[in-house]
Amino acid sequence: MVIKIKNAYLAKLFAGEVVRGKPRYNTDTIVKFKKTILKLTNAESFRELASQKSLHFEALKCNLKGFHSVRVDIHYRLILSLEKDGTIDVTDVILVHDLSNHYQ
């Protein structure tokens, strides 16, 4: 799948660039975030994401209706939107919107 990270801070973290200021996430969370993005990249389809139980892929409700999420660790989830490319060979695209501690 093609991954587009819309959040500039997360894009820099994934690329390994230096981010100024106080870190928003600890080192362990950043490593797990990168591993989760790689799992998303290696997935062939959305069904494969749903079949990977460790990701806890789910559709969100209420004010996040239309978005999906996958688990990074017990405290953080990636907020995603799913799009289809308009070509004959449909390419699944995941836009990463945020890394959320949704339990707070």
PDB file of N, CA and C in Angstrom:
ATOM      1  N   MET A   1       0.828  -1.185   0.000  1.00  0.00           N
ATOM      2  CA  MET A   1       0.000   0.000   0.000  1.00  0.00           C
ATOM      3  C   MET A   1       0.872   1.247   0.000  1.00  0.00           C
ATOM      4  N   VAL A   2       0.309   2.316  -0.494  1.00  0.00           N
ATOM      5  CA  VAL A   2       0.990   3.605  -0.498  1.00  0.00           C
ATOM      6  C   VAL A   2       0.590   4.354   0.763  1.00  0.00           C
ATOM      7  N   ILE A   3       1.564   4.873   1.475  1.00  0.00           N
ATOM      8  CA  ILE A   3       1.307   5.595   2.719  1.00  0.00           C
ATOM      9  C   ILE A   3       1.658   7.060   2.519  1.00  0.00           C
ATOM     10  N   LYS A   4       0.747   7.939   2.886  1.00  0.00           N
ATOM     11  CA  LYS A   4       1.001   9.379   2.881  1.00  0.00           C
ATOM     12  C   LYS A   4       0.788   9.879   4.299  1.00  0.00           C
ATOM     13  N   ILE A   5       1.814  10.447   4.890  1.00  0.00           N
ATOM     14  CA  ILE A   5       1.715  10.949   6.260  1.00  0.00           C
ATOM     15  C   ILE A   5       1.429  12.443   6.188  1.00  0.00           C
ATOM     16  N   LYS A   6       0.225  12.839   6.589  1.00  0.00           N
ATOM     17  CA  LYS A   6      -0.196  14.232   6.498  1.00  0.00           C
ATOM     18  C   LYS A   6       0.341  15.078   7.649  1.00  0.00           C
ATOM     19  N   ASN A   7       0.591  14.462   8.791  1.00  0.00           N
ATOM     20  CA  ASN A   7       1.102  15.166   9.956  1.00  0.00           C
ATOM     21  C   ASN A   7       2.607  15.375   9.775  1.00  0.00           C
ATOM     22  N   ALA A   8       3.037  16.650   9.696  1.00  0.00           N
ATOM     23  CA  ALA A   8       4.448  16.970   9.421  1.00  0.00           C
ATOM     24  C   ALA A   8       5.384  16.423  10.495  1.00  0.00           C
ATOM     25  N   TYR A   9       4.978  16.489  11.736  1.00  0.00           N
ATOM     26  CA  TYR A   9       5.812  15.990  12.839  1.00  0.00           C
ATOM     27  C   TYR A   9       6.036  14.487  12.687  1.00  0.00           C
ATOM     28  N   LEU A  10       4.956  13.735  12.416  1.00  0.00           N
ATOM     29  CA  LEU A  10       5.083  12.282  12.251  1.00  0.00           C
ATOM     30  C   LEU A  10       5.887  11.922  11.007  1.00  0.00           C
ATOM     31  N   ALA A  11       5.742  12.723   9.958  1.00  0.00           N
ATOM     32  CA  ALA A  11       6.514  12.478   8.736  1.00  0.00           C
ATOM     33  C   ALA A  11       8.010  12.611   9.016  1.00  0.00           C
ATOM     34  N   LYS A  12       8.377  13.625   9.791  1.00  0.00           N
ATOM     35  CA  LYS A  12       9.791  13.799  10.149  1.00  0.00           C
ATOM     36  C   LYS A  12      10.278  12.651  11.020  1.00  0.00           C
ATOM     37  N   LEU A  13       9.449  12.215  11.974  1.00  0.00           N
ATOM     38  CA  LEU A  13       9.840  11.089  12.825  1.00  0.00           C
ATOM     39  C   LEU A  13      10.082   9.835  11.993  1.00  0.00           C
ATOM     40  N   PHE A  14       9.173   9.561  11.060  1.00  0.00           N
ATOM     41  CA  PHE A  14       9.313   8.362  10.246  1.00  0.00           C
ATOM     42  C   PHE A  14      10.532   8.433   9.347  1.00  0.00           C
ATOM     43  N   ALA A  15      10.835   9.619   8.830  1.00  0.00           N
ATOM     44  CA  ALA A  15      11.988   9.790   7.946  1.00  0.00           C
ATOM     45  C   ALA A  15      13.304   9.802   8.718  1.00  0.00           C
ATOM     46  N   GLY A  16      13.237   9.865  10.049  1.00  0.00           N
ATOM     47  CA  GLY A  16      14.446   9.891  10.860  1.00  0.00           C
ATOM     48  C   GLY A  16      15.079  11.260  10.944  1.00  0.00           C
ATOM     49  N   GLU A  17      14.330  12.289  10.591  1.00  0.00           N
ATOM     50  CA  GLU A  17      14.856  13.655  10.659  1.00  0.00           C
ATOM     51  C   GLU A  17      14.836  14.154  12.106  1.00  0.00           C
ATOM     52  N   VAL A  18      15.679  15.127  12.382  1.00  0.00           N
ATOM     53  CA  VAL A  18      15.737  15.721  13.717  1.00  0.00           C
ATOM     54  C   VAL A  18      14.530  16.633  13.901  1.00  0.00           C
ATOM     55  N   VAL A  19      13.856  16.463  15.036  1.00  0.00           N
ATOM     56  CA  VAL A  19      12.694  17.282  15.357  1.00  0.00           C
ATOM     57  C   VAL A  19      13.060  18.161  16.541  1.00  0.00           C
ATOM     58  N   ARG A  20      12.872  19.461  16.370  1.00  0.00           N
ATOM     59  CA  ARG A  20      13.234  20.401  17.438  1.00  0.00           C
ATOM     60  C   ARG A  20      12.246  20.360  18.594  1.00  0.00           C
ATOM     61  N   GLY A  21      12.718  20.822  19.739  1.00  0.00           N
ATOM     62  CA  GLY A  21      11.843  20.954  20.900  1.00  0.00           C
ATOM     63  C   GLY A  21      11.719  19.667  21.685  1.00  0.00           C
ATOM     64  N   LYS A  22      10.832  19.734  22.664  1.00  0.00           N
ATOM     65  CA  LYS A  22      10.576  18.591  23.529  1.00  0.00           C
ATOM     66  C   LYS A  22       9.879  17.495  22.732  1.00  0.00           C
ATOM     67  N   PRO A  23      10.366  16.263  22.796  1.00  0.00           N
ATOM     68  CA  PRO A  23       9.733  15.169  22.046  1.00  0.00           C
ATOM     69  C   PRO A  23       8.314  14.904  22.554  1.00  0.00           C
ATOM     70  N   ARG A  24       7.384  14.676  21.636  1.00  0.00           N
ATOM     71  CA  ARG A  24       5.999  14.374  22.006  1.00  0.00           C
ATOM     72  C   ARG A  24       5.831  12.928  22.449  1.00  0.00           C
ATOM     73  N   TYR A  25       6.715  12.060  21.951  1.00  0.00           N
ATOM     74  CA  TYR A  25       6.603  10.629  22.230  1.00  0.00           C
ATOM     75  C   TYR A  25       7.954  10.097  22.685  1.00  0.00           C
ATOM     76  N   ASN A  26       7.921   9.065  23.535  1.00  0.00           N
ATOM     77  CA  ASN A  26       9.186   8.474  23.977  1.00  0.00           C
ATOM     78  C   ASN A  26       9.773   7.606  22.858  1.00  0.00           C
ATOM     79  N   THR A  27      11.012   7.228  23.025  1.00  0.00           N
ATOM     80  CA  THR A  27      11.748   6.486  21.995  1.00  0.00           C
ATOM     81  C   THR A  27      11.067   5.166  21.646  1.00  0.00           C
ATOM     82  N   ASP A  28      10.557   4.467  22.650  1.00  0.00           N
ATOM     83  CA  ASP A  28       9.891   3.185  22.412  1.00  0.00           C
ATOM     84  C   ASP A  28       8.652   3.361  21.540  1.00  0.00           C
ATOM     85  N   THR A  29       7.874   4.403  21.790  1.00  0.00           N
ATOM     86  CA  THR A  29       6.675   4.669  20.994  1.00  0.00           C
ATOM     87  C   THR A  29       7.045   5.004  19.557  1.00  0.00           C
ATOM     88  N   ILE A  30       8.121   5.752  19.353  1.00  0.00           N
ATOM     89  CA  ILE A  30       8.565   6.117  18.007  1.00  0.00           C
ATOM     90  C   ILE A  30       8.976   4.868  17.220  1.00  0.00           C
ATOM     91  N   VAL A  31       9.686   3.960  17.873  1.00  0.00           N
ATOM     92  CA  VAL A  31      10.102   2.710  17.219  1.00  0.00           C
ATOM     93  C   VAL A  31       8.871   1.891  16.829  1.00  0.00           C
ATOM     94  N   LYS A  32       7.893   1.796  17.726  1.00  0.00           N
ATOM     95  CA  LYS A  32       6.671   1.046  17.432  1.00  0.00           C
ATOM     96  C   LYS A  32       5.867   1.724  16.327  1.00  0.00           C
ATOM     97  N   PHE A  33       5.867   3.061  16.305  1.00  0.00           N
ATOM     98  CA  PHE A  33       5.194   3.811  15.246  1.00  0.00           C
ATOM     99  C   PHE A  33       5.799   3.458  13.885  1.00  0.00           C
ATOM    100  N   LYS A  34       7.124   3.451  13.801  1.00  0.00           N
ATOM    101  CA  LYS A  34       7.801   3.120  12.546  1.00  0.00           C
ATOM    102  C   LYS A  34       7.493   1.690  12.110  1.00  0.00           C
ATOM    103  N   LYS A  35       7.477   0.747  13.064  1.00  0.00           N
ATOM    104  CA  LYS A  35       7.159  -0.647  12.743  1.00  0.00           C
ATOM    105  C   LYS A  35       5.729  -0.778  12.232  1.00  0.00           C
ATOM    106  N   THR A  36       4.813  -0.022  12.833  1.00  0.00           N
ATOM    107  CA  THR A  36       3.419  -0.069  12.404  1.00  0.00           C
ATOM    108  C   THR A  36       3.265   0.469  10.987  1.00  0.00           C
ATOM    109  N   ILE A  37       3.960   1.569  10.680  1.00  0.00           N
ATOM    110  CA  ILE A  37       3.917   2.124   9.323  1.00  0.00           C
ATOM    111  C   ILE A  37       4.466   1.101   8.321  1.00  0.00           C
ATOM    112  N   LEU A  38       5.530   0.406   8.683  1.00  0.00           N
ATOM    113  CA  LEU A  38       6.091  -0.621   7.793  1.00  0.00           C
ATOM    114  C   LEU A  38       5.109  -1.777   7.584  1.00  0.00           C
ATOM    115  N   LYS A  39       4.365  -2.159   8.640  1.00  0.00           N
ATOM    116  CA  LYS A  39       3.342  -3.196   8.489  1.00  0.00           C
ATOM    117  C   LYS A  39       2.265  -2.729   7.515  1.00  0.00           C
ATOM    118  N   LEU A  40       1.872  -1.460   7.626  1.00  0.00           N
ATOM    119  CA  LEU A  40       0.859  -0.924   6.715  1.00  0.00           C
ATOM    120  C   LEU A  40       1.375  -0.920   5.281  1.00  0.00           C
ATOM    121  N   THR A  41       2.635  -0.560   5.112  1.00  0.00           N
ATOM    122  CA  THR A  41       3.240  -0.514   3.778  1.00  0.00           C
ATOM    123  C   THR A  41       3.280  -1.901   3.145  1.00  0.00           C
ATOM    124  N   ASN A  42       3.570  -2.910   3.941  1.00  0.00           N
ATOM    125  CA  ASN A  42       3.704  -4.273   3.419  1.00  0.00           C
ATOM    126  C   ASN A  42       2.374  -4.975   3.199  1.00  0.00           C
ATOM    127  N   ALA A  43       1.284  -4.423   3.696  1.00  0.00           N
ATOM    128  CA  ALA A  43      -0.027  -5.051   3.529  1.00  0.00           C
ATOM    129  C   ALA A  43      -0.479  -4.924   2.075  1.00  0.00           C
ATOM    130  N   GLU A  44      -1.083  -5.964   1.565  1.00  0.00           N
ATOM    131  CA  GLU A  44      -1.566  -5.985   0.192  1.00  0.00           C
ATOM    132  C   GLU A  44      -2.925  -5.298   0.052  1.00  0.00           C
ATOM    133  N   SER A  45      -3.745  -5.372   1.098  1.00  0.00           N
ATOM    134  CA  SER A  45      -5.101  -4.821   1.016  1.00  0.00           C
ATOM    135  C   SER A  45      -5.595  -4.474   2.421  1.00  0.00           C
ATOM    136  N   PHE A  46      -6.776  -3.835   2.448  1.00  0.00           N
ATOM    137  CA  PHE A  46      -7.390  -3.507   3.727  1.00  0.00           C
ATOM    138  C   PHE A  46      -7.822  -4.765   4.462  1.00  0.00           C
ATOM    139  N   ARG A  47      -8.217  -5.778   3.712  1.00  0.00           N
ATOM    140  CA  ARG A  47      -8.600  -7.045   4.343  1.00  0.00           C
ATOM    141  C   ARG A  47      -7.430  -7.674   5.069  1.00  0.00           C
ATOM    142  N   GLU A  48      -6.246  -7.522   4.498  1.00  0.00           N
ATOM    143  CA  GLU A  48      -5.052  -8.051   5.167  1.00  0.00           C
ATOM    144  C   GLU A  48      -4.796  -7.298   6.468  1.00  0.00           C
ATOM    145  N   LEU A  49      -5.041  -5.985   6.463  1.00  0.00           N
ATOM    146  CA  LEU A  49      -4.903  -5.211   7.703  1.00  0.00           C
ATOM    147  C   LEU A  49      -5.866  -5.726   8.765  1.00  0.00           C
ATOM    148  N   ALA A  50      -7.089  -5.984   8.365  1.00  0.00           N
ATOM    149  CA  ALA A  50      -8.096  -6.464   9.308  1.00  0.00           C
ATOM    150  C   ALA A  50      -7.746  -7.858   9.831  1.00  0.00           C
ATOM    151  N   SER A  51      -7.063  -8.649   9.016  1.00  0.00           N
ATOM    152  CA  SER A  51      -6.714 -10.005   9.446  1.00  0.00           C
ATOM    153  C   SER A  51      -5.524 -10.030  10.400  1.00  0.00           C
ATOM    154  N   GLN A  52      -4.729  -8.951  10.435  1.00  0.00           N
ATOM    155  CA  GLN A  52      -3.605  -8.872  11.381  1.00  0.00           C
ATOM    156  C   GLN A  52      -4.148  -8.406  12.728  1.00  0.00           C
ATOM    157  N   LYS A  53      -4.435  -9.351  13.584  1.00  0.00           N
ATOM    158  CA  LYS A  53      -5.090  -9.048  14.863  1.00  0.00           C
ATOM    159  C   LYS A  53      -4.278  -8.097  15.736  1.00  0.00           C
ATOM    160  N   SER A  54      -2.971  -8.104  15.617  1.00  0.00           N
ATOM    161  CA  SER A  54      -2.133  -7.238  16.457  1.00  0.00           C
ATOM    162  C   SER A  54      -2.342  -5.759  16.159  1.00  0.00           C
ATOM    163  N   LEU A  55      -2.820  -5.433  14.945  1.00  0.00           N
ATOM    164  CA  LEU A  55      -3.050  -4.034  14.580  1.00  0.00           C
ATOM    165  C   LEU A  55      -4.369  -3.493  15.132  1.00  0.00           C
ATOM    166  N   HIS A  56      -5.318  -4.362  15.435  1.00  0.00           N
ATOM    167  CA  HIS A  56      -6.640  -3.937  15.901  1.00  0.00           C
ATOM    168  C   HIS A  56      -7.232  -2.881  14.965  1.00  0.00           C
ATOM    169  N   PHE A  57      -7.224  -3.168  13.679  1.00  0.00           N
ATOM    170  CA  PHE A  57      -7.748  -2.274  12.650  1.00  0.00           C
ATOM    171  C   PHE A  57      -9.247  -2.116  12.850  1.00  0.00           C
ATOM    172  N   GLU A  58      -9.726  -0.865  12.969  1.00  0.00           N
ATOM    173  CA  GLU A  58     -11.152  -0.648  13.191  1.00  0.00           C
ATOM    174  C   GLU A  58     -11.611   0.695  12.645  1.00  0.00           C
ATOM    175  N   ALA A  59     -12.880   0.744  12.290  1.00  0.00           N
ATOM    176  CA  ALA A  59     -13.498   2.000  11.865  1.00  0.00           C
ATOM    177  C   ALA A  59     -13.845   2.801  13.123  1.00  0.00           C
ATOM    178  N   LEU A  60     -13.685   4.120  13.044  1.00  0.00           N
ATOM    179  CA  LEU A  60     -13.984   4.968  14.179  1.00  0.00           C
ATOM    180  C   LEU A  60     -15.399   5.528  14.068  1.00  0.00           C
ATOM    181  N   LYS A  61     -15.906   6.016  15.191  1.00  0.00           N
ATOM    182  CA  LYS A  61     -17.284   6.493  15.252  1.00  0.00           C
ATOM    183  C   LYS A  61     -17.324   7.950  15.699  1.00  0.00           C
ATOM    184  N   CYS A  62     -18.516   8.476  15.778  1.00  0.00           N
ATOM    185  CA  CYS A  62     -18.820   9.829  16.276  1.00  0.00           C
ATOM    186  C   CYS A  62     -18.078  10.895  15.495  1.00  0.00           C
ATOM    187  N   ASN A  63     -17.274  11.726  16.189  1.00  0.00           N
ATOM    188  CA  ASN A  63     -16.602  12.847  15.513  1.00  0.00           C
ATOM    189  C   ASN A  63     -15.470  12.398  14.598  1.00  0.00           C
ATOM    190  N   LEU A  64     -15.061  11.139  14.654  1.00  0.00           N
ATOM    191  CA  LEU A  64     -14.018  10.611  13.768  1.00  0.00           C
ATOM    192  C   LEU A  64     -14.606   9.638  12.744  1.00  0.00           C
ATOM    193  N   LYS A  65     -15.909   9.744  12.504  1.00  0.00           N
ATOM    194  CA  LYS A  65     -16.553   8.873  11.526  1.00  0.00           C
ATOM    195  C   LYS A  65     -15.907   9.094  10.158  1.00  0.00           C
ATOM    196  N   GLY A  66     -15.634   8.020   9.450  1.00  0.00           N
ATOM    197  CA  GLY A  66     -14.953   8.095   8.161  1.00  0.00           C
ATOM    198  C   GLY A  66     -13.463   7.815   8.286  1.00  0.00           C
ATOM    199  N   PHE A  67     -12.965   7.754   9.500  1.00  0.00           N
ATOM    200  CA  PHE A  67     -11.566   7.436   9.762  1.00  0.00           C
ATOM    201  C   PHE A  67     -11.473   6.024  10.324  1.00  0.00           C
ATOM    202  N   HIS A  68     -10.279   5.459  10.246  1.00  0.00           N
ATOM    203  CA  HIS A  68      -9.985   4.153  10.818  1.00  0.00           C
ATOM    204  C   HIS A  68      -8.771   4.313  11.728  1.00  0.00           C
ATOM    205  N   SER A  69      -8.496   3.287  12.519  1.00  0.00           N
ATOM    206  CA  SER A  69      -7.311   3.344  13.367  1.00  0.00           C
ATOM    207  C   SER A  69      -6.661   1.968  13.461  1.00  0.00           C
ATOM    208  N   VAL A  70      -5.370   1.994  13.740  1.00  0.00           N
ATOM    209  CA  VAL A  70      -4.608   0.777  14.036  1.00  0.00           C
ATOM    210  C   VAL A  70      -3.806   1.042  15.304  1.00  0.00           C
ATOM    211  N   ARG A  71      -3.558  -0.006  16.040  1.00  0.00           N
ATOM    212  CA  ARG A  71      -2.850   0.136  17.311  1.00  0.00           C
ATOM    213  C   ARG A  71      -1.343   0.207  17.088  1.00  0.00           C
ATOM    214  N   VAL A  72      -0.700   1.183  17.734  1.00  0.00           N
ATOM    215  CA  VAL A  72       0.757   1.280  17.758  1.00  0.00           C
ATOM    216  C   VAL A  72       1.256   0.539  18.997  1.00  0.00           C
ATOM    217  N   ASP A  73       0.696   0.862  20.141  1.00  0.00           N
ATOM    218  CA  ASP A  73       0.941   0.132  21.385  1.00  0.00           C
ATOM    219  C   ASP A  73      -0.309   0.266  22.245  1.00  0.00           C
ATOM    220  N   ILE A  74      -0.220  -0.083  23.496  1.00  0.00           N
ATOM    221  CA  ILE A  74      -1.414  -0.079  24.339  1.00  0.00           C
ATOM    222  C   ILE A  74      -1.971   1.332  24.554  1.00  0.00           C
ATOM    223  N   HIS A  75      -1.144   2.360  24.395  1.00  0.00           N
ATOM    224  CA  HIS A  75      -1.580   3.729  24.641  1.00  0.00           C
ATOM    225  C   HIS A  75      -1.866   4.537  23.381  1.00  0.00           C
ATOM    226  N   TYR A  76      -1.268   4.175  22.250  1.00  0.00           N
ATOM    227  CA  TYR A  76      -1.358   5.003  21.048  1.00  0.00           C
ATOM    228  C   TYR A  76      -1.931   4.237  19.869  1.00  0.00           C
ATOM    229  N   ARG A  77      -2.690   4.979  19.047  1.00  0.00           N
ATOM    230  CA  ARG A  77      -3.248   4.441  17.812  1.00  0.00           C
ATOM    231  C   ARG A  77      -2.978   5.432  16.696  1.00  0.00           C
ATOM    232  N   LEU A  78      -2.813   4.921  15.485  1.00  0.00           N
ATOM    233  CA  LEU A  78      -2.696   5.777  14.311  1.00  0.00           C
ATOM    234  C   LEU A  78      -4.093   6.022  13.760  1.00  0.00           C
ATOM    235  N   ILE A  79      -4.403   7.281  13.497  1.00  0.00           N
ATOM    236  CA  ILE A  79      -5.682   7.654  12.901  1.00  0.00           C
ATOM    237  C   ILE A  79      -5.462   7.710  11.390  1.00  0.00           C
ATOM    238  N   LEU A  80      -6.255   6.952  10.631  1.00  0.00           N
ATOM    239  CA  LEU A  80      -6.060   6.798   9.191  1.00  0.00           C
ATOM    240  C   LEU A  80      -7.333   7.138   8.424  1.00  0.00           C
ATOM    241  N   SER A  81      -7.168   7.583   7.200  1.00  0.00           N
ATOM    242  CA  SER A  81      -8.297   7.625   6.261  1.00  0.00           C
ATOM    243  C   SER A  81      -7.901   6.784   5.059  1.00  0.00           C
ATOM    244  N   LEU A  82      -8.865   6.097   4.491  1.00  0.00           N
ATOM    245  CA  LEU A  82      -8.604   5.175   3.402  1.00  0.00           C
ATOM    246  C   LEU A  82      -9.178   5.754   2.125  1.00  0.00           C
ATOM    247  N   GLU A  83      -8.397   5.712   1.040  1.00  0.00           N
ATOM    248  CA  GLU A  83      -8.840   6.248  -0.240  1.00  0.00           C
ATOM    249  C   GLU A  83      -8.562   5.232  -1.334  1.00  0.00           C
ATOM    250  N   LYS A  84      -9.276   5.353  -2.423  1.00  0.00           N
ATOM    251  CA  LYS A  84      -9.050   4.501  -3.589  1.00  0.00           C
ATOM    252  C   LYS A  84      -8.540   5.377  -4.725  1.00  0.00           C
ATOM    253  N   ASP A  85      -7.565   4.861  -5.448  1.00  0.00           N
ATOM    254  CA  ASP A  85      -7.046   5.552  -6.628  1.00  0.00           C
ATOM    255  C   ASP A  85      -7.988   5.266  -7.796  1.00  0.00           C
ATOM    256  N   GLY A  86      -8.182   6.240  -8.668  1.00  0.00           N
ATOM    257  CA  GLY A  86      -9.160   6.099  -9.750  1.00  0.00           C
ATOM    258  C   GLY A  86      -8.691   5.329 -10.967  1.00  0.00           C
ATOM    259  N   THR A  87      -7.538   4.686 -10.941  1.00  0.00           N
ATOM    260  CA  THR A  87      -7.058   3.931 -12.096  1.00  0.00           C
ATOM    261  C   THR A  87      -7.709   2.552 -12.151  1.00  0.00           C
ATOM    262  N   ILE A  88      -7.449   1.824 -13.229  1.00  0.00           N
ATOM    263  CA  ILE A  88      -8.036   0.485 -13.385  1.00  0.00           C
ATOM    264  C   ILE A  88      -7.509  -0.456 -12.302  1.00  0.00           C
ATOM    265  N   ASP A  89      -6.209  -0.479 -12.122  1.00  0.00           N
ATOM    266  CA  ASP A  89      -5.633  -1.231 -11.017  1.00  0.00           C
ATOM    267  C   ASP A  89      -5.777  -0.355  -9.776  1.00  0.00           C
ATOM    268  N   VAL A  90      -6.698  -0.676  -8.923  1.00  0.00           N
ATOM    269  CA  VAL A  90      -6.981   0.178  -7.764  1.00  0.00           C
ATOM    270  C   VAL A  90      -5.849   0.028  -6.749  1.00  0.00           C
ATOM    271  N   THR A  91      -5.284   1.165  -6.370  1.00  0.00           N
ATOM    272  CA  THR A  91      -4.223   1.195  -5.369  1.00  0.00           C
ATOM    273  C   THR A  91      -4.804   1.730  -4.075  1.00  0.00           C
ATOM    274  N   ASP A  92      -4.609   0.977  -3.016  1.00  0.00           N
ATOM    275  CA  ASP A  92      -5.085   1.430  -1.718  1.00  0.00           C
ATOM    276  C   ASP A  92      -4.098   2.441  -1.158  1.00  0.00           C
ATOM    277  N   VAL A  93      -4.614   3.541  -0.656  1.00  0.00           N
ATOM    278  CA  VAL A  93      -3.781   4.599  -0.083  1.00  0.00           C
ATOM    279  C   VAL A  93      -4.248   4.864   1.333  1.00  0.00           C
ATOM    280  N   ILE A  94      -3.322   4.932   2.247  1.00  0.00           N
ATOM    281  CA  ILE A  94      -3.644   5.252   3.625  1.00  0.00           C
ATOM    282  C   ILE A  94      -3.017   6.593   3.950  1.00  0.00           C
ATOM    283  N   LEU A  95      -3.820   7.518   4.414  1.00  0.00           N
ATOM    284  CA  LEU A  95      -3.322   8.813   4.861  1.00  0.00           C
ATOM    285  C   LEU A  95      -3.235   8.773   6.381  1.00  0.00           C
ATOM    286  N   VAL A  96      -2.063   8.977   6.915  1.00  0.00           N
ATOM    287  CA  VAL A  96      -1.886   8.971   8.356  1.00  0.00           C
ATOM    288  C   VAL A  96      -2.138  10.381   8.859  1.00  0.00           C
ATOM    289  N   HIS A  97      -3.150  10.540   9.695  1.00  0.00           N
ATOM    290  CA  HIS A  97      -3.519  11.864  10.182  1.00  0.00           C
ATOM    291  C   HIS A  97      -2.880  12.201  11.514  1.00  0.00           C
ATOM    292  N   ASP A  98      -2.831  11.243  12.423  1.00  0.00           N
ATOM    293  CA  ASP A  98      -2.327  11.590  13.749  1.00  0.00           C
ATOM    294  C   ASP A  98      -1.952  10.304  14.503  1.00  0.00           C
ATOM    295  N   LEU A  99      -1.122  10.481  15.506  1.00  0.00           N
ATOM    296  CA  LEU A  99      -0.792   9.431  16.449  1.00  0.00           C
ATOM    297  C   LEU A  99      -1.455   9.861  17.740  1.00  0.00           C
ATOM    298  N   SER A 100      -2.492   9.155  18.151  1.00  0.00           N
ATOM    299  CA  SER A 100      -3.369   9.643  19.217  1.00  0.00           C
ATOM    300  C   SER A 100      -3.297   8.754  20.444  1.00  0.00           C
ATOM    301  N   ASN A 101      -3.288   9.405  21.606  1.00  0.00           N
ATOM    302  CA  ASN A 101      -3.459   8.713  22.874  1.00  0.00           C
ATOM    303  C   ASN A 101      -4.933   8.883  23.215  1.00  0.00           C
ATOM    304  N   HIS A 102      -5.789   8.093  22.560  1.00  0.00           N
ATOM    305  CA  HIS A 102      -7.228   8.308  22.626  1.00  0.00           C
ATOM    306  C   HIS A 102      -7.853   7.939  23.956  1.00  0.00           C
ATOM    307  N   TYR A 103      -7.067   7.399  24.878  1.00  0.00           N
ATOM    308  CA  TYR A 103      -7.621   7.010  26.174  1.00  0.00           C
ATOM    309  C   TYR A 103      -7.704   8.179  27.136  1.00  0.00           C
ATOM    310  N   GLN A 104      -7.109   9.318  26.785  1.00  0.00           N
ATOM    311  CA  GLN A 104      -7.154  10.468  27.700  1.00  0.00           C
ATOM    312  C   GLN A 104      -8.327  11.351  27.411  1.00  0.00           C
TER     313      GLN A 104
END
